C-alpha atoms as a PDB file:
ATOM      1  CA  MET A   1     -99.809 -97.958  74.436  1.00  0.00           C
ATOM      2  CA  PHE A   2     -99.360-101.723  74.658  1.00  0.00           C
ATOM      3  CA  LYS A   3    -100.077-104.006  71.757  1.00  0.00           C
ATOM      4  CA  THR A   4    -101.309-107.686  71.811  1.00  0.00           C
ATOM      5  CA  VAL A   5    -100.617-110.237  69.026  1.00  0.00           C
ATOM      6  CA  VAL A   6    -103.898-111.763  67.687  1.00  0.00           C
ATOM      7  CA  ASN A   7    -104.082-114.973  65.662  1.00  0.00           C
ATOM      8  CA  LEU A   8    -106.507-113.701  62.899  1.00  0.00           C
ATOM      9  CA  THR A   9    -106.526-117.266  61.407  1.00  0.00           C
ATOM     10  CA  GLN A  10    -107.849-118.995  64.420  1.00  0.00           C
ATOM     11  CA  GLN A  11    -110.733-116.410  64.671  1.00  0.00           C
ATOM     12  CA  ALA A  12    -111.377-116.785  60.995  1.00  0.00           C
ATOM     13  CA  ALA A  13    -111.265-120.498  61.198  1.00  0.00           C
ATOM     14  CA  SER A  14    -113.802-120.716  64.193  1.00  0.00           C
ATOM     15  CA  ALA A  15    -116.210-118.478  62.350  1.00  0.00           C
ATOM     16  CA  GLU A  16    -115.896-120.400  59.026  1.00  0.00           C
ATOM     17  CA  ILE A  17    -116.153-123.726  60.732  1.00  0.00           C
ATOM     18  CA  GLU A  18    -119.599-122.578  61.904  1.00  0.00           C
ATOM     19  CA  ASN A  19    -120.550-121.412  58.517  1.00  0.00           C
ATOM     20  CA  VAL A  20    -119.355-124.585  56.574  1.00  0.00           C
ATOM     21  CA  LEU A  21    -121.005-126.939  58.998  1.00  0.00           C
ATOM     22  CA  GLU A  22    -124.294-125.215  58.535  1.00  0.00           C
ATOM     23  CA  THR A  23    -124.317-126.438  54.919  1.00  0.00           C
ATOM     24  CA  TYR A  24    -124.144-130.152  56.249  1.00  0.00           C
ATOM     25  CA  PRO A  25    -127.253-132.061  57.572  1.00  0.00           C
ATOM     26  CA  PHE A  26    -127.822-131.536  61.312  1.00  0.00           C
ATOM     27  CA  HIS A  27    -127.737-135.199  61.915  1.00  0.00           C
ATOM     28  CA  PRO A  28    -125.223-136.449  61.911  1.00  0.00           C
ATOM     29  CA  TYR A  29    -122.603-134.003  60.895  1.00  0.00           C
ATOM     30  CA  GLN A  30    -123.599-130.961  63.066  1.00  0.00           C
ATOM     31  CA  LYS A  31    -124.403-132.918  66.044  1.00  0.00           C
ATOM     32  CA  ALA A  32    -120.999-135.085  65.641  1.00  0.00           C
ATOM     33  CA  PHE A  33    -118.893-131.749  65.396  1.00  0.00           C
ATOM     34  CA  ALA A  34    -120.857-130.275  68.344  1.00  0.00           C
ATOM     35  CA  ILE A  35    -119.012-132.920  70.288  1.00  0.00           C
ATOM     36  CA  PRO A  36    -116.180-130.809  71.940  1.00  0.00           C
ATOM     37  CA  ASP A  37    -113.383-133.267  71.279  1.00  0.00           C
ATOM     38  CA  LEU A  38    -114.382-133.585  67.691  1.00  0.00           C
ATOM     39  CA  ARG A  39    -114.724-129.759  67.195  1.00  0.00           C
ATOM     40  CA  GLN A  40    -111.262-129.224  68.801  1.00  0.00           C
ATOM     41  CA  GLU A  41    -109.791-131.931  66.503  1.00  0.00           C
ATOM     42  CA  LEU A  42    -111.317-130.035  63.406  1.00  0.00           C
ATOM     43  CA  ILE A  43    -110.118-126.633  64.674  1.00  0.00           C
ATOM     44  CA  ALA A  44    -106.624-128.303  65.086  1.00  0.00           C
ATOM     45  CA  TYR A  45    -106.705-129.864  61.629  1.00  0.00           C
ATOM     46  CA  VAL A  46    -107.584-126.470  59.926  1.00  0.00           C
ATOM     47  CA  LEU A  47    -105.158-124.577  61.793  1.00  0.00           C
ATOM     48  CA  SER A  48    -102.286-127.125  61.144  1.00  0.00           C
ATOM     49  CA  ASN A  49    -103.205-126.917  57.413  1.00  0.00           C
ATOM     50  CA  THR A  50    -103.735-123.237  57.049  1.00  0.00           C
ATOM     51  CA  PRO A  51    -100.905-120.529  56.970  1.00  0.00           C
ATOM     52  CA  CYS A  52    -101.656-118.392  60.152  1.00  0.00           C
ATOM     53  CA  VAL A  53    -101.886-114.615  59.825  1.00  0.00           C
ATOM     54  CA  TYR A  54    -101.041-112.411  62.902  1.00  0.00           C
ATOM     55  CA  SER A  55    -101.736-108.961  63.785  1.00  0.00           C
ATOM     56  CA  ALA A  56    -100.501-106.544  66.470  1.00  0.00           C
ATOM     57  CA  VAL A  57    -103.497-104.567  67.955  1.00  0.00           C
ATOM     58  CA  ASP A  58    -103.776-101.975  70.450  1.00  0.00           C
ATOM     59  CA  ASP A  59    -105.164-103.346  73.786  1.00  0.00           C
ATOM     60  CA  ALA A  60    -108.016-101.039  73.515  1.00  0.00           C
ATOM     61  CA  GLN A  61    -108.850-102.605  70.087  1.00  0.00           C
ATOM     62  CA  LYS A  62    -108.308-106.196  71.351  1.00  0.00           C
ATOM     63  CA  ASN A  63    -111.925-106.749  72.511  1.00  0.00           C
ATOM     64  CA  LYS A  64    -113.536-105.142  69.528  1.00  0.00           C
ATOM     65  CA  HIS A  65    -112.809-108.014  67.010  1.00  0.00           C
ATOM     66  CA  ASN A  66    -112.790-105.585  63.864  1.00  0.00           C
ATOM     67  CA  TYR A  67    -109.124-106.239  62.867  1.00  0.00           C
ATOM     68  CA  LYS A  68    -108.040-105.195  59.361  1.00  0.00           C
ATOM     69  CA  VAL A  69    -108.968-107.732  56.753  1.00  0.00           C
ATOM     70  CA  PRO A  70    -106.086-108.943  54.545  1.00  0.00           C
ATOM     71  CA  HIS A  71    -106.344-107.635  50.882  1.00  0.00           C
ATOM     72  CA  ASN A  72    -106.659-111.323  49.591  1.00  0.00           C
ATOM     73  CA  TYR A  73    -109.446-112.230  52.002  1.00  0.00           C
ATOM     74  CA  LEU A  74    -111.822-114.034  49.640  1.00  0.00           C
ATOM     75  CA  GLU A  75    -109.023-116.272  48.383  1.00  0.00           C
ATOM     76  CA  GLN A  76    -108.107-117.058  51.870  1.00  0.00           C
ATOM     77  CA  GLN A  77    -111.712-117.730  52.809  1.00  0.00           C
ATOM     78  CA  VAL A  78    -112.260-120.230  49.878  1.00  0.00           C
ATOM     79  CA  ASN A  79    -108.859-121.967  50.934  1.00  0.00           C
ATOM     80  CA  LEU A  80    -110.065-122.041  54.428  1.00  0.00           C
ATOM     81  CA  GLN A  81    -113.450-123.563  53.399  1.00  0.00           C
ATOM     82  CA  ASN A  82    -111.624-126.214  51.393  1.00  0.00           C
ATOM     83  CA  VAL A  83    -109.527-127.195  54.476  1.00  0.00           C
ATOM     84  CA  ILE A  84    -112.450-127.364  56.566  1.00  0.00           C
ATOM     85  CA  HIS A  85    -114.341-129.718  54.082  1.00  0.00           C
ATOM     86  CA  GLN A  86    -111.154-131.768  53.961  1.00  0.00           C
ATOM     87  CA  GLY A  87    -110.866-131.865  57.688  1.00  0.00           C
ATOM     88  CA  ILE A  88    -114.632-132.995  58.122  1.00  0.00           C
ATOM     89  CA  TYR A  89    -114.139-135.700  55.684  1.00  0.00           C
ATOM     90  CA  ILE A  90    -110.769-137.005  57.157  1.00  0.00           C
ATOM     91  CA  ILE A  91    -112.137-136.872  60.813  1.00  0.00           C
ATOM     92  CA  TRP A  92    -115.228-138.457  59.644  1.00  0.00           C
ATOM     93  CA  GLN A  93    -113.399-141.407  58.297  1.00  0.00           C
ATOM     94  CA  GLU A  94    -110.937-141.703  61.222  1.00  0.00           C
ATOM     95  CA  ARG A  95    -113.364-141.353  63.926  1.00  0.00           C
ATOM     96  CA  SER A  96    -116.457-143.103  62.416  1.00  0.00           C
ATOM     97  CA  GLU A  97    -116.616-145.704  65.359  1.00  0.00           C
ATOM     98  CA  CYS A  98    -116.432-142.864  67.942  1.00  0.00           C
ATOM     99  CA  ILE A  99    -119.152-140.888  66.106  1.00  0.00           C
ATOM    100  CA  ALA A 100    -121.416-143.947  65.803  1.00  0.00           C
ATOM    101  CA  HIS A 101    -121.070-144.560  69.584  1.00  0.00           C
ATOM    102  CA  HIS A 102    -122.047-140.934  70.463  1.00  0.00           C
ATOM    103  CA  LEU A 103    -124.632-140.574  67.667  1.00  0.00           C
ATOM    104  CA  PRO A 104    -127.034-143.637  67.671  1.00  0.00           C
ATOM    105  CA  GLU A 105    -129.042-143.880  64.486  1.00  0.00           C
ATOM    106  CA  THR A 106    -132.313-141.896  64.693  1.00  0.00           C
ATOM    107  CA  THR A 107    -135.435-144.043  64.466  1.00  0.00           C
ATOM    108  CA  GLN A 108    -138.734-143.164  63.052  1.00  0.00           C
ATOM    109  CA  LEU A 109    -141.891-143.778  65.213  1.00  0.00           C
ATOM    110  CA  GLY A 110    -144.072-146.618  63.565  1.00  0.00           C
ATOM    111  CA  LEU A 111    -141.007-148.152  61.916  1.00  0.00           C
ATOM    112  CA  GLU A 112    -139.653-150.074  64.897  1.00  0.00           C
ATOM    113  CA  PRO A 113    -141.270-153.194  66.097  1.00  0.00           C
ATOM    114  CA  SER A 114    -143.716-152.778  69.066  1.00  0.00           C
ATOM    115  CA  HIS A 115    -142.732-154.275  72.193  1.00  0.00           C
ATOM    116  CA  TRP A 116    -146.135-153.899  73.597  1.00  0.00           C
ATOM    117  CA  PHE A 117    -147.203-157.526  73.148  1.00  0.00           C
ATOM    118  CA  GLY A 118    -144.076-158.882  74.562  1.00  0.00           C
END
């Protein structure tokens, strides 16, 4: 039976990024990190600042995604969440112009001057 090496950290990071972003306001944070380039940048930041954990799984188990959870999972999850928050903050600071370009300010109806009368 063949085994495949699986990056458990990458799978955990992707899922945890979703969970952490849900705690942020939809506009502008969730919308900004829905931009593929910013999402990839966040994933790369998290993976480069988190120790990676790999596991060898049977090819039959590869698609089931129910890999054995490390014994210190909760500690790793808290550390991962901290790195994600840190990454969001750093990327937000570094890419603020790009984000502002992609996400114009939302306007509320009735607060913008009317162009009706020219």
